[in-house]
Amino acid sequence: MAADDLTVVSKRHPGRWVTAIALLLVAAATLRSVFTNPRFGWDVVNTYLRDVSIGRGLLVTLELTAICMAIGIILGVVLAVMRLSANPVVRSAAFLYVSFFRGTPVLVQLLFWYNLAALYPQLTFGIPGVSLDANQLITPILAALLGLGLNEAAYMSEIVRAGIQSVDHGQGEAAGALGLTKMQTMRRVILPQAMRVIIPPTGNETIGMLKTTALVSVLAVPDLLYSAQILYARNFQTIPLLIVASIWYLAVTTVLTIGQFYVERRFSRGNRTLPPTPVQQFRQLLRTHTPMATGRSTP
């Protein structure tokens, strides 16, 4: 039988079609139930979606996210460098910090900072003549910043450490041979190359931080969730106002996800020497053998 007489028949996947149809039916039934159920109160949702207090709460949530991520990234870089230090004391101190803050719930840490005055009514910081009232100093917003920022630093330190270790050791040796100090090597050589590994999980941590800020509502910080809670405590429209908060969380998360995509692409531009991924290898294989797959011989 000649090669030209061969007929290529596409493999059928009935399971895929059955699964897709089932998912579409479930999605359609869910959407119909959500939008036709009057108990969701979509008219109330539309009313409070642009409410001033909700907007103020959203602004507080964004501010908390930005400040806590800044604290986490800066302190995380310091902790990552400490974890890689040759000094066993410095390395152990960073390890204990990371173990403690990763091993305890962030809500417990928030409550601990908020009630710090129970342990230290007066804060002196070891400076003679300085005595600060902890009840006045540790406000709910400061307790939120300390709890979320210090907790985030523990996770960011592991992300940064993984990024630093992904850079070839010879890069540091070459920089040292050129006369750069360890600090200059880290800032100008190692960290810029490690950004390709650091950026994706940092974007995920930022999105996670945005949602984690909802925990500060237990401290009466007027964030997005707390603002919604205050409103539905007055008008008893619990579900609609929770939907309003969820819509704003989804909107901001979507914007952050798009921003993360472009930042990742920006730091991956110079990464052209890496071997292709398995998916890329498979696509190259298909392009190479396309004439044979059709059953027609090439001239």
Protein backbone atom coordinates (compact mmCIF):
# COMPACT_ATOMS: atom_id res chain seq x y z
CA MET A 1 0.00 0.00 0.00
CA ALA A 2 1.41 3.36 -1.02
CA ALA A 3 1.89 6.13 1.51
CA ASP A 4 -0.49 8.37 -0.48
CA ASP A 5 -3.33 5.87 0.07
CA LEU A 6 -3.14 6.14 3.85
CA THR A 7 -6.02 7.94 5.53
CA VAL A 8 -5.31 9.67 8.81
CA VAL A 9 -8.27 9.50 11.17
CA SER A 10 -8.35 11.81 14.18
CA LYS A 11 -8.63 10.03 17.50
CA ARG A 12 -12.03 10.50 19.07
CA HIS A 13 -12.35 11.65 22.65
CA PRO A 14 -15.97 11.11 23.72
CA GLY A 15 -15.05 11.48 27.39
CA ARG A 16 -13.89 15.04 26.80
CA TRP A 17 -17.13 16.03 25.13
CA VAL A 18 -19.24 14.42 27.85
CA THR A 19 -17.22 16.20 30.55
CA ALA A 20 -17.43 19.54 28.74
CA ILE A 21 -21.21 19.26 28.25
CA ALA A 22 -21.71 18.28 31.89
CA LEU A 23 -19.64 21.25 33.07
CA LEU A 24 -21.57 23.63 30.81
CA LEU A 25 -24.87 22.34 32.13
CA VAL A 26 -23.73 22.72 35.74
CA ALA A 27 -22.42 26.24 35.03
CA ALA A 28 -25.66 27.26 33.31
CA ALA A 29 -27.79 25.88 36.15
CA THR A 30 -25.61 27.65 38.74
CA LEU A 31 -25.77 31.00 36.93
CA ARG A 32 -29.52 30.70 36.47
CA SER A 33 -29.97 29.94 40.16
CA VAL A 34 -27.72 32.83 41.24
CA PHE A 35 -29.27 35.49 39.03
CA THR A 36 -32.89 34.45 39.44
CA ASN A 37 -32.84 33.96 43.21
CA PRO A 38 -34.21 37.18 44.77
CA ARG A 39 -32.52 36.39 48.08
CA PHE A 40 -29.17 37.39 46.60
CA GLY A 41 -30.44 40.95 46.54
CA TRP A 42 -28.75 42.14 43.36
CA ASP A 43 -30.48 45.51 43.62
CA VAL A 44 -28.82 46.00 47.02
CA VAL A 45 -25.50 44.86 45.57
CA ASN A 46 -25.78 47.45 42.82
CA THR A 47 -26.62 50.14 45.38
CA TYR A 48 -23.68 49.48 47.71
CA LEU A 49 -21.11 48.61 45.06
CA ARG A 50 -20.21 52.30 44.77
CA ASP A 51 -20.87 53.21 48.40
CA VAL A 52 -18.45 55.71 49.94
CA SER A 53 -17.68 53.58 53.00
CA ILE A 54 -16.97 50.57 50.79
CA GLY A 55 -14.60 52.73 48.75
CA ARG A 56 -12.78 53.88 51.88
CA GLY A 57 -12.48 50.28 53.03
CA LEU A 58 -11.08 49.26 49.65
CA LEU A 59 -8.48 52.03 49.89
CA VAL A 60 -7.41 50.81 53.36
CA THR A 61 -7.13 47.26 52.00
CA LEU A 62 -4.90 48.41 49.14
CA GLU A 63 -2.72 50.46 51.49
CA LEU A 64 -2.32 47.51 53.86
CA THR A 65 -1.43 45.22 50.97
CA ALA A 66 1.22 47.59 49.58
CA ILE A 67 2.84 48.44 52.93
CA CYS A 68 2.85 44.88 54.25
CA MET A 69 4.32 43.54 51.01
CA ALA A 70 7.02 46.23 51.11
CA ILE A 71 7.89 45.22 54.68
CA GLY A 72 7.84 41.54 53.72
CA ILE A 73 10.04 41.96 50.63
CA ILE A 74 12.68 44.17 52.29
CA LEU A 75 12.91 42.08 55.45
CA GLY A 76 12.66 38.89 53.41
CA VAL A 77 15.75 39.81 51.37
CA VAL A 78 17.67 40.48 54.59
CA LEU A 79 16.56 37.17 56.08
CA ALA A 80 17.43 35.29 52.89
CA VAL A 81 20.96 36.71 52.93
CA MET A 82 21.22 35.79 56.61
CA ARG A 83 20.08 32.22 55.85
CA LEU A 84 22.92 31.93 53.33
CA SER A 85 25.52 33.43 55.66
CA ALA A 86 28.60 31.44 56.65
CA ASN A 87 28.13 32.63 60.24
CA PRO A 88 26.21 29.89 62.11
CA VAL A 89 24.74 32.36 64.62
CA VAL A 90 23.33 34.63 61.91
CA ARG A 91 22.07 31.63 59.95
CA SER A 92 20.41 30.12 63.02
CA ALA A 93 18.73 33.42 63.98
CA ALA A 94 17.18 33.71 60.52
CA PHE A 95 16.10 30.06 60.64
CA LEU A 96 14.37 30.54 64.00
CA TYR A 97 12.58 33.66 62.76
CA VAL A 98 11.27 31.89 59.67
CA SER A 99 10.27 28.79 61.65
CA PHE A 100 8.34 30.81 64.23
CA PHE A 101 6.39 33.05 61.86
CA ARG A 102 5.64 30.25 59.40
CA GLY A 103 4.67 27.87 62.19
CA THR A 104 2.02 30.03 63.89
CA PRO A 105 -1.29 31.22 62.37
CA VAL A 106 -1.28 34.79 61.12
CA LEU A 107 -4.53 35.50 62.99
CA VAL A 108 -2.83 34.54 66.27
CA GLN A 109 0.05 36.87 65.43
CA LEU A 110 -2.35 39.73 64.74
CA LEU A 111 -4.08 39.23 68.09
CA PHE A 112 -0.71 38.97 69.83
CA TRP A 113 0.51 42.32 68.48
CA TYR A 114 -2.83 43.94 69.28
CA ASN A 115 -2.56 42.78 72.91
CA LEU A 116 1.15 43.50 73.30
CA ALA A 117 0.37 46.00 76.10
CA ALA A 118 -0.63 43.08 78.30
CA LEU A 119 3.01 41.98 78.29
CA TYR A 120 4.77 45.32 78.01
CA PRO A 121 2.63 48.24 79.21
CA GLN A 122 5.59 50.59 78.74
CA LEU A 123 7.98 50.30 75.80
CA THR A 124 11.48 51.64 76.43
CA PHE A 125 13.40 49.96 73.55
CA GLY A 126 16.39 49.87 75.88
CA ILE A 127 16.92 53.63 75.60
CA PRO A 128 17.25 55.49 78.92
CA GLY A 129 14.59 58.13 79.43
CA VAL A 130 12.28 56.69 76.76
CA SER A 131 8.96 55.26 77.92
CA LEU A 132 6.02 54.88 75.57
CA ASP A 133 2.52 53.74 76.45
CA ALA A 134 1.95 50.50 74.49
CA ASN A 135 -1.82 51.00 74.49
CA GLN A 136 -1.44 54.28 72.64
CA LEU A 137 1.46 53.16 70.42
CA ILE A 138 0.05 49.82 69.21
CA THR A 139 -3.03 50.96 67.36
CA PRO A 140 -5.15 48.47 65.39
CA ILE A 141 -3.60 49.61 62.10
CA LEU A 142 -0.05 49.27 63.48
CA ALA A 143 -0.84 45.83 64.88
CA ALA A 144 -2.13 44.85 61.42
CA LEU A 145 1.04 46.12 59.72
CA LEU A 146 3.30 44.32 62.19
CA GLY A 147 1.36 41.06 62.08
CA LEU A 148 0.99 40.85 58.31
CA GLY A 149 4.36 42.39 57.38
CA LEU A 150 6.51 40.29 59.71
CA ASN A 151 4.63 37.14 58.77
CA GLU A 152 5.06 37.85 55.06
CA ALA A 153 8.82 38.38 55.55
CA ALA A 154 9.18 34.74 56.62
CA TYR A 155 7.64 33.50 53.37
CA MET A 156 9.43 36.02 51.19
CA SER A 157 12.78 35.03 52.69
CA GLU A 158 12.33 31.48 51.39
CA ILE A 159 11.31 32.77 47.96
CA VAL A 160 14.32 35.07 47.74
CA ARG A 161 16.65 32.36 49.04
CA ALA A 162 15.44 29.98 46.34
CA GLY A 163 15.99 32.68 43.72
CA ILE A 164 19.53 33.39 44.93
CA GLN A 165 20.41 29.70 44.96
CA SER A 166 19.13 29.34 41.39
CA VAL A 167 21.94 31.61 40.14
CA ASP A 168 25.10 29.78 39.18
CA HIS A 169 27.79 29.97 41.87
CA GLY A 170 30.32 30.99 39.26
CA GLN A 171 28.55 34.33 38.83
CA GLY A 172 29.57 35.37 42.34
CA GLU A 173 33.12 34.13 41.84
CA ALA A 174 33.44 36.07 38.59
CA ALA A 175 32.13 39.23 40.25
CA GLY A 176 34.62 38.78 43.08
CA ALA A 177 37.43 38.38 40.57
CA LEU A 178 36.41 41.74 39.06
CA GLY A 179 36.84 43.41 42.43
CA LEU A 180 33.18 43.71 43.47
CA THR A 181 32.35 43.42 47.16
CA LYS A 182 29.84 40.86 48.40
CA MET A 183 27.20 43.56 48.75
CA GLN A 184 27.83 44.85 45.22
CA THR A 185 27.80 41.29 43.88
CA MET A 186 24.47 40.59 45.54
CA ARG A 187 22.89 43.86 44.39
CA ARG A 188 24.28 44.08 40.85
CA VAL A 189 24.88 40.49 39.80
CA ILE A 190 22.97 37.89 41.85
CA LEU A 191 19.60 39.53 42.59
CA PRO A 192 18.96 40.80 39.02
CA GLN A 193 19.41 37.26 37.71
CA ALA A 194 17.37 35.77 40.54
CA MET A 195 14.38 37.99 39.73
CA ARG A 196 13.19 35.52 37.10
CA VAL A 197 12.62 32.97 39.87
CA ILE A 198 11.50 35.46 42.54
CA ILE A 199 8.86 37.41 40.60
CA PRO A 200 6.19 34.70 39.98
CA PRO A 201 5.78 33.57 43.61
CA THR A 202 6.04 37.19 44.79
CA GLY A 203 3.06 38.01 42.59
CA ASN A 204 1.16 35.13 44.13
CA GLU A 205 2.11 36.34 47.61
CA THR A 206 0.81 39.83 46.76
CA ILE A 207 -2.54 38.42 45.68
CA GLY A 208 -2.62 36.28 48.80
CA MET A 209 -1.79 39.30 50.95
CA LEU A 210 -4.70 41.22 49.45
CA LYS A 211 -7.09 38.52 50.65
CA THR A 212 -5.28 37.97 53.96
CA THR A 213 -5.89 41.61 54.90
CA ALA A 214 -9.50 40.59 55.53
CA LEU A 215 -8.28 39.10 58.82
CA VAL A 216 -7.61 42.58 60.22
CA SER A 217 -11.37 43.02 60.53
CA VAL A 218 -11.08 41.23 63.89
CA LEU A 219 -8.98 44.22 65.06
CA ALA A 220 -11.66 46.70 63.93
CA VAL A 221 -9.41 48.02 61.16
CA PRO A 222 -11.79 49.66 58.65
CA ASP A 223 -10.78 47.57 55.65
CA LEU A 224 -13.08 46.37 52.88
CA LEU A 225 -14.58 43.45 54.79
CA TYR A 226 -15.00 45.40 58.02
CA SER A 227 -16.76 48.20 56.15
CA ALA A 228 -19.18 45.66 54.68
CA GLN A 229 -19.72 44.18 58.14
CA ILE A 230 -20.57 47.58 59.62
CA LEU A 231 -23.12 48.16 56.89
CA TYR A 232 -24.90 44.82 57.16
CA ALA A 233 -24.94 45.13 60.95
CA ARG A 234 -27.19 48.17 60.44
CA ASN A 235 -29.40 47.08 57.55
CA PHE A 236 -29.18 43.25 57.94
CA GLN A 237 -28.34 42.82 54.23
CA THR A 238 -25.60 40.31 55.01
CA ILE A 239 -25.40 38.33 51.78
CA PRO A 240 -25.59 41.30 49.36
CA LEU A 241 -22.85 43.19 51.19
CA LEU A 242 -20.62 40.13 51.33
CA ILE A 243 -21.13 39.85 47.57
CA VAL A 244 -20.11 43.51 47.21
CA ALA A 245 -16.87 42.83 49.11
CA SER A 246 -16.23 39.70 47.03
CA ILE A 247 -16.72 41.60 43.75
CA TRP A 248 -14.14 44.20 44.76
CA TYR A 249 -11.68 41.51 45.89
CA LEU A 250 -12.12 39.74 42.55
CA ALA A 251 -11.67 42.98 40.60
CA VAL A 252 -8.43 43.92 42.36
CA THR A 253 -7.13 40.35 42.13
CA THR A 254 -7.75 40.38 38.39
CA VAL A 255 -5.81 43.62 37.98
CA LEU A 256 -2.91 42.24 40.03
CA THR A 257 -2.90 39.04 37.99
CA ILE A 258 -2.63 41.00 34.73
CA GLY A 259 0.16 43.11 36.21
CA GLN A 260 1.97 39.98 37.35
CA PHE A 261 1.81 38.57 33.83
CA TYR A 262 3.50 41.62 32.29
CA VAL A 263 6.14 41.85 35.04
CA GLU A 264 7.01 38.17 34.57
CA ARG A 265 7.31 38.67 30.81
CA ARG A 266 9.55 41.71 31.38
CA PHE A 267 12.01 39.77 33.53
CA SER A 268 11.95 36.75 31.20
CA ARG A 269 13.10 38.65 28.10
CA GLY A 270 16.74 37.80 28.56
CA ASN A 271 15.99 34.17 29.31
CA ARG A 272 16.43 32.89 25.75
CA THR A 273 19.25 30.42 26.37
CA LEU A 274 17.20 28.12 28.57
CA PRO A 275 16.23 24.72 27.13
CA PRO A 276 12.68 24.45 25.78
CA THR A 277 9.96 23.18 28.04
CA PRO A 278 8.39 19.75 27.37
CA VAL A 279 5.38 21.45 25.75
CA GLN A 280 7.68 23.45 23.46
CA GLN A 281 9.61 20.29 22.59
CA PHE A 282 6.35 18.51 21.71
CA ARG A 283 5.25 21.41 19.48
CA GLN A 284 8.61 21.42 17.71
CA LEU A 285 8.24 17.68 17.17
CA LEU A 286 4.80 18.16 15.63
CA ARG A 287 6.07 20.89 13.28
CA THR A 288 8.98 18.70 12.24
CA HIS A 289 6.80 15.71 11.39
CA THR A 290 3.76 17.52 9.99
CA PRO A 291 4.30 16.24 6.38
CA MET A 292 4.46 12.66 7.63
CA ALA A 293 1.38 13.04 9.85
CA THR A 294 -0.83 13.82 6.85
CA GLY A 295 0.16 10.60 5.14
CA ARG A 296 1.69 12.41 2.14
CA SER A 297 5.26 11.83 1.18
CA THR A 298 7.57 14.82 0.85
CA PRO A 299 9.29 15.35 -2.52
